[in-house]
Structures are given as C-alpha cells and as structure tokens.
C-alpha atoms as a PDB file:
ATOM      1  CA  UNK A   1     -19.129  -3.286  -5.914  1.00  0.00           C
ATOM      2  CA  UNK A   2     -15.446  -3.612  -6.180  1.00  0.00           C
ATOM      3  CA  UNK A   3     -13.036  -5.440  -3.837  1.00  0.00           C
ATOM      4  CA  UNK A   4      -9.620  -4.099  -3.634  1.00  0.00           C
ATOM      5  CA  UNK A   5      -6.928  -6.110  -1.469  1.00  0.00           C
ATOM      6  CA  UNK A   6      -4.252  -4.286   0.076  1.00  0.00           C
ATOM      7  CA  UNK A   7      -0.686  -5.857   0.691  1.00  0.00           C
ATOM      8  CA  UNK A   8       1.867  -3.666   2.419  1.00  0.00           C
ATOM      9  CA  UNK A   9       5.443  -3.541   3.956  1.00  0.00           C
ATOM     10  CA  UNK A  10       6.428  -6.809   2.462  1.00  0.00           C
ATOM     11  CA  UNK A  11      10.243  -5.950   2.894  1.00  0.00           C
ATOM     12  CA  UNK A  12      11.652  -8.980   0.835  1.00  0.00           C
ATOM     13  CA  UNK A  13      15.329  -8.920   1.381  1.00  0.00           C
ATOM     14  CA  UNK A  14      18.217 -10.316  -0.794  1.00  0.00           C
ATOM     15  CA  UNK A  15      21.137 -11.549   1.434  1.00  0.00           C
ATOM     16  CA  UNK A  16      24.946 -11.119   1.111  1.00  0.00           C
ATOM     17  CA  UNK A  17      25.141 -13.316  -2.251  1.00  0.00           C
ATOM     18  CA  UNK A  18      22.503 -10.840  -3.674  1.00  0.00           C
ATOM     19  CA  UNK A  19      19.675 -13.426  -3.673  1.00  0.00           C
ATOM     20  CA  UNK A  20      16.657 -13.735  -2.014  1.00  0.00           C
ATOM     21  CA  UNK A  21      16.454 -16.853   0.239  1.00  0.00           C
ATOM     22  CA  UNK A  22      13.242 -18.877  -0.295  1.00  0.00           C
ATOM     23  CA  UNK A  23      13.119 -19.849   3.253  1.00  0.00           C
ATOM     24  CA  UNK A  24      13.584 -16.286   4.710  1.00  0.00           C
ATOM     25  CA  UNK A  25      10.667 -14.688   7.185  1.00  0.00           C
ATOM     26  CA  UNK A  26       9.496 -12.310   4.527  1.00  0.00           C
ATOM     27  CA  UNK A  27       9.243 -15.023   1.747  1.00  0.00           C
ATOM     28  CA  UNK A  28       7.356 -17.337   3.865  1.00  0.00           C
ATOM     29  CA  UNK A  29       5.013 -14.232   5.214  1.00  0.00           C
ATOM     30  CA  UNK A  30       4.257 -13.276   1.679  1.00  0.00           C
ATOM     31  CA  UNK A  31       3.370 -16.907   0.548  1.00  0.00           C
ATOM     32  CA  UNK A  32       0.933 -16.943   3.448  1.00  0.00           C
ATOM     33  CA  UNK A  33      -0.571 -13.837   2.563  1.00  0.00           C
ATOM     34  CA  UNK A  34      -1.268 -14.702  -0.803  1.00  0.00           C
ATOM     35  CA  UNK A  35      -2.811 -18.164  -0.060  1.00  0.00           C
ATOM     36  CA  UNK A  36      -4.865 -16.364   2.569  1.00  0.00           C
ATOM     37  CA  UNK A  37      -6.031 -13.974   0.049  1.00  0.00           C
ATOM     38  CA  UNK A  38      -6.824 -16.478  -2.446  1.00  0.00           C
ATOM     39  CA  UNK A  39      -8.912 -18.128   0.108  1.00  0.00           C
ATOM     40  CA  UNK A  40     -11.543 -15.580   0.558  1.00  0.00           C
ATOM     41  CA  UNK A  41     -14.845 -16.582  -0.703  1.00  0.00           C
ATOM     42  CA  UNK A  42     -15.013 -13.412  -2.859  1.00  0.00           C
ATOM     43  CA  UNK A  43     -11.768 -12.864  -4.482  1.00  0.00           C
ATOM     44  CA  UNK A  44     -10.798  -9.169  -4.908  1.00  0.00           C
ATOM     45  CA  UNK A  45     -10.794  -7.580  -8.198  1.00  0.00           C
ATOM     46  CA  UNK A  46      -7.436  -6.034  -7.747  1.00  0.00           C
ATOM     47  CA  UNK A  47      -4.630  -5.934  -5.381  1.00  0.00           C
ATOM     48  CA  UNK A  48      -2.653  -2.678  -4.540  1.00  0.00           C
ATOM     49  CA  UNK A  49       0.833  -2.868  -2.966  1.00  0.00           C
ATOM     50  CA  UNK A  50       1.382   0.103  -0.931  1.00  0.00           C
ATOM     51  CA  UNK A  51       5.311   0.252  -0.980  1.00  0.00           C
ATOM     52  CA  UNK A  52       8.199  -1.001   1.188  1.00  0.00           C
ATOM     53  CA  UNK A  53       8.091  -4.037  -0.953  1.00  0.00           C
ATOM     54  CA  UNK A  54      11.607  -4.534  -1.055  1.00  0.00           C
ATOM     55  CA  UNK A  55      13.868  -4.218   1.889  1.00  0.00           C
ATOM     56  CA  UNK A  56      17.101  -2.644   0.203  1.00  0.00           C
ATOM     57  CA  UNK A  57      15.750  -1.581  -3.339  1.00  0.00           C
ATOM     58  CA  UNK A  58      17.460  -4.404  -5.079  1.00  0.00           C
ATOM     59  CA  UNK A  59      16.626  -6.128  -8.410  1.00  0.00           C
ATOM     60  CA  UNK A  60      16.924  -9.378  -7.055  1.00  0.00           C
ATOM     61  CA  UNK A  61      14.061  -8.508  -4.192  1.00  0.00           C
ATOM     62  CA  UNK A  62      11.814  -7.249  -7.016  1.00  0.00           C
ATOM     63  CA  UNK A  63      12.400 -10.068  -9.156  1.00  0.00           C
ATOM     64  CA  UNK A  64      11.359 -12.744  -6.369  1.00  0.00           C
ATOM     65  CA  UNK A  65       8.438 -10.400  -5.671  1.00  0.00           C
ATOM     66  CA  UNK A  66       7.205 -10.604  -9.049  1.00  0.00           C
ATOM     67  CA  UNK A  67       7.486 -14.375  -8.953  1.00  0.00           C
ATOM     68  CA  UNK A  68       5.733 -14.871  -5.562  1.00  0.00           C
ATOM     69  CA  UNK A  69       3.027 -12.584  -6.560  1.00  0.00           C
ATOM     70  CA  UNK A  70       2.497 -14.635  -9.857  1.00  0.00           C
ATOM     71  CA  UNK A  71      -0.408 -17.059  -8.433  1.00  0.00           C
ATOM     72  CA  UNK A  72      -2.645 -14.139  -8.237  1.00  0.00           C
ATOM     73  CA  UNK A  73      -5.242 -14.328 -11.073  1.00  0.00           C
ATOM     74  CA  UNK A  74      -6.302 -10.553 -10.586  1.00  0.00           C
ATOM     75  CA  UNK A  75      -4.412  -7.324 -11.554  1.00  0.00           C
ATOM     76  CA  UNK A  76      -1.759  -6.359  -9.038  1.00  0.00           C
ATOM     77  CA  UNK A  77      -1.001  -2.748  -8.563  1.00  0.00           C
ATOM     78  CA  UNK A  78       2.743  -1.957  -7.053  1.00  0.00           C
ATOM     79  CA  UNK A  79       3.841   1.489  -5.943  1.00  0.00           C
ATOM     80  CA  UNK A  80       7.097   2.795  -3.780  1.00  0.00           C
ATOM     81  CA  UNK A  81       7.888   3.215  -0.096  1.00  0.00           C
ATOM     82  CA  UNK A  82      10.678   4.417   1.541  1.00  0.00           C
ATOM     83  CA  UNK A  83      12.619   1.364   1.325  1.00  0.00           C
ATOM     84  CA  UNK A  84      12.155   0.857  -2.497  1.00  0.00           C
ATOM     85  CA  UNK A  85      13.953   1.567  -5.571  1.00  0.00           C
ATOM     86  CA  UNK A  86      11.919   3.123  -8.144  1.00  0.00           C
ATOM     87  CA  UNK A  87      13.842   2.065 -11.287  1.00  0.00           C
ATOM     88  CA  UNK A  88      14.299  -1.240 -10.015  1.00  0.00           C
ATOM     89  CA  UNK A  89      10.622  -1.377  -9.262  1.00  0.00           C
ATOM     90  CA  UNK A  90       9.923  -0.415 -12.907  1.00  0.00           C
ATOM     91  CA  UNK A  91      12.159  -2.943 -14.397  1.00  0.00           C
ATOM     92  CA  UNK A  92      10.896  -5.815 -12.567  1.00  0.00           C
ATOM     93  CA  UNK A  93       7.299  -4.903 -13.272  1.00  0.00           C
ATOM     94  CA  UNK A  94       7.922  -3.875 -16.879  1.00  0.00           C
ATOM     95  CA  UNK A  95       5.103  -6.070 -17.813  1.00  0.00           C
ATOM     96  CA  UNK A  96       2.757  -3.521 -16.167  1.00  0.00           C
ATOM     97  CA  UNK A  97       0.931  -1.194 -18.435  1.00  0.00           C
ATOM     98  CA  UNK A  98       0.449   1.500 -15.790  1.00  0.00           C
ATOM     99  CA  UNK A  99       3.933   1.469 -14.591  1.00  0.00           C
ATOM    100  CA  UNK A 100       5.151   1.711 -18.008  1.00  0.00           C
ATOM    101  CA  UNK A 101       3.425   5.052 -18.505  1.00  0.00           C
ATOM    102  CA  UNK A 102       4.833   6.494 -15.221  1.00  0.00           C
ATOM    103  CA  UNK A 103       7.761   8.103 -16.769  1.00  0.00           C
ATOM    104  CA  UNK A 104      11.122   6.997 -18.026  1.00  0.00           C
ATOM    105  CA  UNK A 105      13.689   9.431 -15.994  1.00  0.00           C
ATOM    106  CA  UNK A 106      15.855   8.272 -13.517  1.00  0.00           C
ATOM    107  CA  UNK A 107      13.601   7.963 -10.400  1.00  0.00           C
ATOM    108  CA  UNK A 108      10.721   9.536 -11.958  1.00  0.00           C
ATOM    109  CA  UNK A 109       7.709   9.223  -9.633  1.00  0.00           C
ATOM    110  CA  UNK A 110       5.689   6.116  -9.709  1.00  0.00           C
ATOM    111  CA  UNK A 111       2.205   7.669  -9.705  1.00  0.00           C
ATOM    112  CA  UNK A 112      -0.770   6.326 -11.909  1.00  0.00           C
ATOM    113  CA  UNK A 113      -4.580   5.956 -12.058  1.00  0.00           C
ATOM    114  CA  UNK A 114      -6.560   2.469 -13.006  1.00  0.00           C
ATOM    115  CA  UNK A 115      -9.996   1.814 -13.378  1.00  0.00           C
ATOM    116  CA  UNK A 116     -11.092  -1.427 -11.368  1.00  0.00           C
ATOM    117  CA  UNK A 117     -14.615  -2.973 -11.443  1.00  0.00           C
ATOM    118  CA  UNK A 118     -16.416   0.307 -11.798  1.00  0.00           C
ATOM    119  CA  UNK A 119     -14.158   2.516  -9.136  1.00  0.00           C
ATOM    120  CA  UNK A 120     -10.852   4.254  -9.916  1.00  0.00           C
ATOM    121  CA  UNK A 121      -7.584   3.666  -7.730  1.00  0.00           C
ATOM    122  CA  UNK A 122      -4.889   6.313  -7.785  1.00  0.00           C
ATOM    123  CA  UNK A 123      -1.366   5.502  -6.518  1.00  0.00           C
ATOM    124  CA  UNK A 124       0.407   8.331  -5.541  1.00  0.00           C
ATOM    125  CA  UNK A 125       4.212   8.739  -4.916  1.00  0.00           C
ATOM    126  CA  UNK A 126       5.025  10.029  -1.302  1.00  0.00           C
ATOM    127  CA  UNK A 127       8.618   8.821  -1.260  1.00  0.00           C
ATOM    128  CA  UNK A 128      11.641  11.267  -1.014  1.00  0.00           C
ATOM    129  CA  UNK A 129      15.063  10.202  -2.464  1.00  0.00           C
ATOM    130  CA  UNK A 130      17.300   9.040   0.447  1.00  0.00           C
ATOM    131  CA  UNK A 131      14.946   9.731   3.103  1.00  0.00           C
ATOM    132  CA  UNK A 132      12.326   7.702   5.277  1.00  0.00           C
ATOM    133  CA  UNK A 133       9.832  10.681   5.646  1.00  0.00           C
ATOM    134  CA  UNK A 134       7.075  11.078   2.852  1.00  0.00           C
ATOM    135  CA  UNK A 135       6.345  14.507   0.972  1.00  0.00           C
ATOM    136  CA  UNK A 136       4.628  15.338  -2.283  1.00  0.00           C
ATOM    137  CA  UNK A 137       6.120  18.051  -4.179  1.00  0.00           C
ATOM    138  CA  UNK A 138       4.141  20.471  -6.006  1.00  0.00           C
ATOM    139  CA  UNK A 139       4.447  18.751  -9.276  1.00  0.00           C
ATOM    140  CA  UNK A 140       3.148  15.887  -7.866  1.00  0.00           C
ATOM    141  CA  UNK A 141       0.259  17.498  -6.150  1.00  0.00           C
ATOM    142  CA  UNK A 142      -0.766  19.010  -9.540  1.00  0.00           C
ATOM    143  CA  UNK A 143      -0.768  15.531 -11.158  1.00  0.00           C
ATOM    144  CA  UNK A 144      -3.029  14.212  -8.309  1.00  0.00           C
ATOM    145  CA  UNK A 145      -5.444  17.323  -8.780  1.00  0.00           C
ATOM    146  CA  UNK A 146      -5.455  16.594 -12.453  1.00  0.00           C
ATOM    147  CA  UNK A 147      -6.055  12.901 -12.305  1.00  0.00           C
ATOM    148  CA  UNK A 148      -8.881  13.269  -9.629  1.00  0.00           C
ATOM    149  CA  UNK A 149     -10.237  16.036 -11.660  1.00  0.00           C
ATOM    150  CA  UNK A 150     -10.413  13.977 -14.944  1.00  0.00           C
ATOM    151  CA  UNK A 151     -13.156  11.442 -13.547  1.00  0.00           C
ATOM    152  CA  UNK A 152     -15.258  13.641 -11.076  1.00  0.00           C
ATOM    153  CA  UNK A 153     -18.024  11.016 -10.816  1.00  0.00           C
ATOM    154  CA  UNK A 154     -16.350   7.905 -10.053  1.00  0.00           C
ATOM    155  CA  UNK A 155     -16.048   6.403  -6.443  1.00  0.00           C
ATOM    156  CA  UNK A 156     -11.935   6.699  -6.076  1.00  0.00           C
ATOM    157  CA  UNK A 157      -9.442   5.295  -3.724  1.00  0.00           C
ATOM    158  CA  UNK A 158      -6.304   7.142  -3.153  1.00  0.00           C
ATOM    159  CA  UNK A 159      -3.291   5.005  -2.127  1.00  0.00           C
ATOM    160  CA  UNK A 160      -0.093   6.521  -0.647  1.00  0.00           C
ATOM    161  CA  UNK A 161       2.933   4.867   1.125  1.00  0.00           C
ATOM    162  CA  UNK A 162       3.092   7.266   3.906  1.00  0.00           C
ATOM    163  CA  UNK A 163      -0.042   8.203   6.024  1.00  0.00           C
ATOM    164  CA  UNK A 164      -1.362  11.767   5.941  1.00  0.00           C
ATOM    165  CA  UNK A 165      -2.597  11.671   9.535  1.00  0.00           C
ATOM    166  CA  UNK A 166      -0.566  11.136  12.716  1.00  0.00           C
ATOM    167  CA  UNK A 167      -0.130   7.597  14.026  1.00  0.00           C
ATOM    168  CA  UNK A 168       0.687   8.307  17.691  1.00  0.00           C
ATOM    169  CA  UNK A 169       3.796   5.871  17.741  1.00  0.00           C
ATOM    170  CA  UNK A 170       6.462   8.319  17.832  1.00  0.00           C
ATOM    171  CA  UNK A 171       9.349   6.766  15.583  1.00  0.00           C
ATOM    172  CA  UNK A 172       6.765   6.244  12.950  1.00  0.00           C
ATOM    173  CA  UNK A 173       5.570   9.838  13.008  1.00  0.00           C
ATOM    174  CA  UNK A 174       9.127  11.193  12.951  1.00  0.00           C
ATOM    175  CA  UNK A 175       8.991   9.535   9.349  1.00  0.00           C
ATOM    176  CA  UNK A 176       5.573  10.967   8.835  1.00  0.00           C
ATOM    177  CA  UNK A 177       4.486  12.524   5.551  1.00  0.00           C
ATOM    178  CA  UNK A 178       5.778  15.942   5.974  1.00  0.00           C
ATOM    179  CA  UNK A 179       3.477  18.769   5.179  1.00  0.00           C
ATOM    180  CA  UNK A 180       0.049  16.875   4.404  1.00  0.00           C
ATOM    181  CA  UNK A 181      -1.611  20.145   4.081  1.00  0.00           C
ATOM    182  CA  UNK A 182      -1.189  20.465   0.195  1.00  0.00           C
ATOM    183  CA  UNK A 183      -2.280  16.949  -0.114  1.00  0.00           C
ATOM    184  CA  UNK A 184      -5.463  17.836   2.202  1.00  0.00           C
ATOM    185  CA  UNK A 185      -6.440  20.541  -0.049  1.00  0.00           C
ATOM    186  CA  UNK A 186      -6.416  18.657  -3.240  1.00  0.00           C
ATOM    187  CA  UNK A 187      -8.563  15.858  -1.506  1.00  0.00           C
ATOM    188  CA  UNK A 188     -10.896  18.197  -0.019  1.00  0.00           C
ATOM    189  CA  UNK A 189     -11.643  19.577  -3.766  1.00  0.00           C
ATOM    190  CA  UNK A 190     -12.780  16.043  -4.894  1.00  0.00           C
ATOM    191  CA  UNK A 191     -15.907  14.738  -3.512  1.00  0.00           C
ATOM    192  CA  UNK A 192     -15.647  11.289  -5.150  1.00  0.00           C
ATOM    193  CA  UNK A 193     -12.508  10.296  -2.898  1.00  0.00           C
ATOM    194  CA  UNK A 194     -14.398   7.724  -0.720  1.00  0.00           C
ATOM    195  CA  UNK A 195     -11.063   6.635   1.009  1.00  0.00           C
ATOM    196  CA  UNK A 196      -7.215   6.953   1.773  1.00  0.00           C
ATOM    197  CA  UNK A 197      -5.326   4.091   2.142  1.00  0.00           C
ATOM    198  CA  UNK A 198      -1.527   4.059   3.452  1.00  0.00           C
ATOM    199  CA  UNK A 199       1.038   1.532   4.415  1.00  0.00           C
ATOM    200  CA  UNK A 200       4.309   2.557   6.407  1.00  0.00           C
ATOM    201  CA  UNK A 201       2.923   1.750   9.743  1.00  0.00           C
ATOM    202  CA  UNK A 202       3.057  -1.914  10.054  1.00  0.00           C
ATOM    203  CA  UNK A 203      -0.263  -2.278  11.542  1.00  0.00           C
ATOM    204  CA  UNK A 204      -4.105  -1.371  10.766  1.00  0.00           C
ATOM    205  CA  UNK A 205      -4.989   2.365  11.997  1.00  0.00           C
ATOM    206  CA  UNK A 206      -7.962   4.467  11.155  1.00  0.00           C
ATOM    207  CA  UNK A 207      -7.638   8.372  10.901  1.00  0.00           C
ATOM    208  CA  UNK A 208      -8.988  11.098   8.821  1.00  0.00           C
ATOM    209  CA  UNK A 209      -7.993  13.768   6.367  1.00  0.00           C
ATOM    210  CA  UNK A 210     -10.060  16.408   4.947  1.00  0.00           C
ATOM    211  CA  UNK A 211     -13.305  14.827   6.005  1.00  0.00           C
ATOM    212  CA  UNK A 212     -12.235  11.507   4.492  1.00  0.00           C
ATOM    213  CA  UNK A 213     -11.647   8.257   6.246  1.00  0.00           C
ATOM    214  CA  UNK A 214      -7.945   7.222   6.002  1.00  0.00           C
ATOM    215  CA  UNK A 215      -6.674   3.797   6.972  1.00  0.00           C
ATOM    216  CA  UNK A 216      -3.363   2.151   7.053  1.00  0.00           C
ATOM    217  CA  UNK A 217      -2.540  -1.692   6.678  1.00  0.00           C
ATOM    218  CA  UNK A 218      -0.944  -4.549   8.473  1.00  0.00           C
ATOM    219  CA  UNK A 219       2.442  -5.762   7.300  1.00  0.00           C
ATOM    220  CA  UNK A 220       2.394  -9.075   5.508  1.00  0.00           C
ATOM    221  CA  UNK A 221       5.558  -9.760   7.727  1.00  0.00           C
ATOM    222  CA  UNK A 222       5.871  -8.014  11.016  1.00  0.00           C
ATOM    223  CA  UNK A 223       3.870  -5.404  13.056  1.00  0.00           C
ATOM    224  CA  UNK A 224       5.239  -2.689  14.965  1.00  0.00           C
ATOM    225  CA  UNK A 225       4.543  -2.531  18.953  1.00  0.00           C
ATOM    226  CA  UNK A 226       1.665  -0.182  19.807  1.00  0.00           C
ATOM    227  CA  UNK A 227       3.743   2.135  22.274  1.00  0.00           C
ATOM    228  CA  UNK A 228       1.814   5.534  22.421  1.00  0.00           C
ATOM    229  CA  UNK A 229       4.074   6.623  25.061  1.00  0.00           C
ATOM    230  CA  UNK A 230       6.893   9.226  24.635  1.00  0.00           C
ATOM    231  CA  UNK A 231       9.493   8.529  23.744  1.00  0.00           C
ATOM    232  CA  UNK A 232       8.163   5.101  23.462  1.00  0.00           C
ATOM    233  CA  UNK A 233      10.018   1.981  22.488  1.00  0.00           C
ATOM    234  CA  UNK A 234      10.513   0.927  18.817  1.00  0.00           C
ATOM    235  CA  UNK A 235       9.957  -2.736  18.514  1.00  0.00           C
ATOM    236  CA  UNK A 236       8.247  -5.434  16.542  1.00  0.00           C
ATOM    237  CA  UNK A 237       5.794  -7.675  17.914  1.00  0.00           C
ATOM    238  CA  UNK A 238       4.715 -11.336  17.554  1.00  0.00           C
ATOM    239  CA  UNK A 239       0.984 -10.261  16.569  1.00  0.00           C
ATOM    240  CA  UNK A 240      -0.006 -11.979  13.335  1.00  0.00           C
ATOM    241  CA  UNK A 241       0.697 -10.805   9.908  1.00  0.00           C
ATOM    242  CA  UNK A 242      -2.293  -9.438   7.751  1.00  0.00           C
ATOM    243  CA  UNK A 243      -3.526  -7.257   4.838  1.00  0.00           C
ATOM    244  CA  UNK A 244      -6.825  -5.124   4.373  1.00  0.00           C
ATOM    245  CA  UNK A 245      -9.708  -5.562   2.016  1.00  0.00           C
ATOM    246  CA  UNK A 246     -11.558  -2.659   0.653  1.00  0.00           C
ATOM    247  CA  UNK A 247     -14.998  -2.556  -0.331  1.00  0.00           C
ATOM    248  CA  UNK A 248     -16.478   0.038  -2.712  1.00  0.00           C
ATOM    249  CA  UNK A 249     -19.887   0.521  -3.848  1.00  0.00           C
ATOM    250  CA  UNK A 250     -21.278   2.220  -6.833  1.00  0.00           C
ATOM    251  CA  UNK A 251     -22.740   4.551  -4.452  1.00  0.00           C
ATOM    252  CA  UNK A 252     -19.604   5.412  -3.267  1.00  0.00           C
ATOM    253  CA  UNK A 253     -20.056   3.621   0.191  1.00  0.00           C
ATOM    254  CA  UNK A 254     -16.677   2.254   1.496  1.00  0.00           C
ATOM    255  CA  UNK A 255     -16.002  -0.535   3.922  1.00  0.00           C
ATOM    256  CA  UNK A 256     -12.424  -1.498   5.139  1.00  0.00           C
ATOM    257  CA  UNK A 257     -11.655  -5.005   6.851  1.00  0.00           C
ATOM    258  CA  UNK A 258      -8.248  -5.898   8.271  1.00  0.00           C
ATOM    259  CA  UNK A 259      -7.660  -9.536   7.614  1.00  0.00           C
ATOM    260  CA  UNK A 260      -5.038 -11.889   9.573  1.00  0.00           C
ATOM    261  CA  UNK A 261      -2.869 -13.875   7.430  1.00  0.00           C
ATOM    262  CA  UNK A 262      -3.514 -17.734   7.987  1.00  0.00           C
ATOM    263  CA  UNK A 263      -6.156 -20.494   6.909  1.00  0.00           C
ATOM    264  CA  UNK A 264      -8.883 -19.556   8.836  1.00  0.00           C
ATOM    265  CA  UNK A 265     -11.865 -21.608   8.140  1.00  0.00           C
ATOM    266  CA  UNK A 266     -15.453 -21.312   9.646  1.00  0.00           C
ATOM    267  CA  UNK A 267     -15.889 -23.130  12.913  1.00  0.00           C
ATOM    268  CA  UNK A 268     -19.763 -23.291  12.729  1.00  0.00           C
ATOM    269  CA  UNK A 269     -22.729 -21.496  11.009  1.00  0.00           C
ATOM    270  CA  UNK A 270     -24.268 -18.917  13.008  1.00  0.00           C
ATOM    271  CA  UNK A 271     -27.881 -18.630  11.421  1.00  0.00           C
END
C-alpha cells in the first residue's frame, strides 16, 4: 500500500521588504502541518503540494517554502496553482529531479509523473497565465494521455490544482476548471486512474469525474466558508486547517482521509 499526503493552498506571503515573516500566519500554519504530518503513526511515502504554494509568486516565498518543508524525510512533489509563478517555483526547487525535466522555456507547464511505492502520481498543470481559473490545453491533454498510456497497469493518482467538478460555492466555481470535458475524456480512457486530487477550494470536498472519485484538500492555512446559497458570501472561517492522506492498494483500491492539523493524541484505546 502506498500512502501519499497532500498539502495545499499554503499561501506563503512576502511582505513589503520582499521577505517572508517567520511569525506570519501561513508560516506558523505550515510548520503545524509539517509537525502534524510527521506525527502520523504511519508516515507517508511522499507528499504532493497541489498549488497556491506562494501568495504572490515571489522567489522569497518559494525559498522559504523549500526551507519549511526541509524536515520532511520523504519526497515532496510541488505543482503550481493560480497564485504561483512556474519559473520561480522551478528555481527554488532546482534540486528536484522531476521539476528539472518539465521544460526550460519561460512559464513552461509544470507537469510530470513519478513512481511512489508501487503506484504513480501524475501532476498536471491547470494554471492559466494571469487568470484565476483553470484549463488544460490540447498540448497538456496530449501529454496527460501519453503519460497515462505509458503505464496502463499501475494504479495512478492524478493531481490538479483546480478541481474538475463543481463545488457549489459560487466564487470558487467562478474560478473553476474551464471546459473539463477534454480532461474527462482522457481520464475515461485509462482504467488505472484510482483518484483525482485537487486543491484550490480551501476545504475538503468529494465529487466525481468520468466515473472516478475526485477530491479537494483542506488548506494548511485558512478554510473557506461553506455558503451554498446564491450569490453567497466569499469569506474565510475559523475552521481548523488540515491536509489529506490518500491510501492506494496494489489492487487499485483507494481511500482518502481529511486530517485537521494539530497534535491530536489517542485519548483511550477502544478495543
């Protein structure tokens, strides 16, 4: 069984001086998330970061992110969201073999596939330069189709920043994955895909696409208010931050847990 942890929507922000304040909320929140992850009885085999890692896409934000993640002993796989800058992300993670192979042109898509404990993790780039919504061009879809086709018998998680299903929160759906039909068509051709995981929503949600379970991840920083009315209120809440843990069996079974950050120890044994 493979265990993949998912951290998302970290939003490290540099101040006016161009540096990230170590006392800021996002920094404290990420430290707590890393500590919580390390306290799990079964440590994940890898960690995927599903976008909006920085708030403004500045080099200092990614440098601080890289340092804050350094206590993690397992592989970490970053990917961009609509707040991120691909080139700055690549530069900060220049020691990351997978990112080094994603292209050298300005703002080339950050998309790659890696093997994790017997399964595959395929990281897609759904960001659109200068816009908050998501989209995958024909070139990106062709890359995904070919990448999935290269290992048809290996259970696979596909990761995106923008979720490919409607959330029901108006202002998040306004920044939706535009025209996910092409993405769904590619996914439907590959039976080994066992889960689609995304960020962007700042809370855990479960949907479906092309017959596959699709999930979003809590933010390590702030959660969005669950207002399903129209037009609805765009607001953050005091709900606890969190992350997701995905379990994938050799037989293709998949389970997702949503974990609040904090030091939660067993209160009593129940058997």
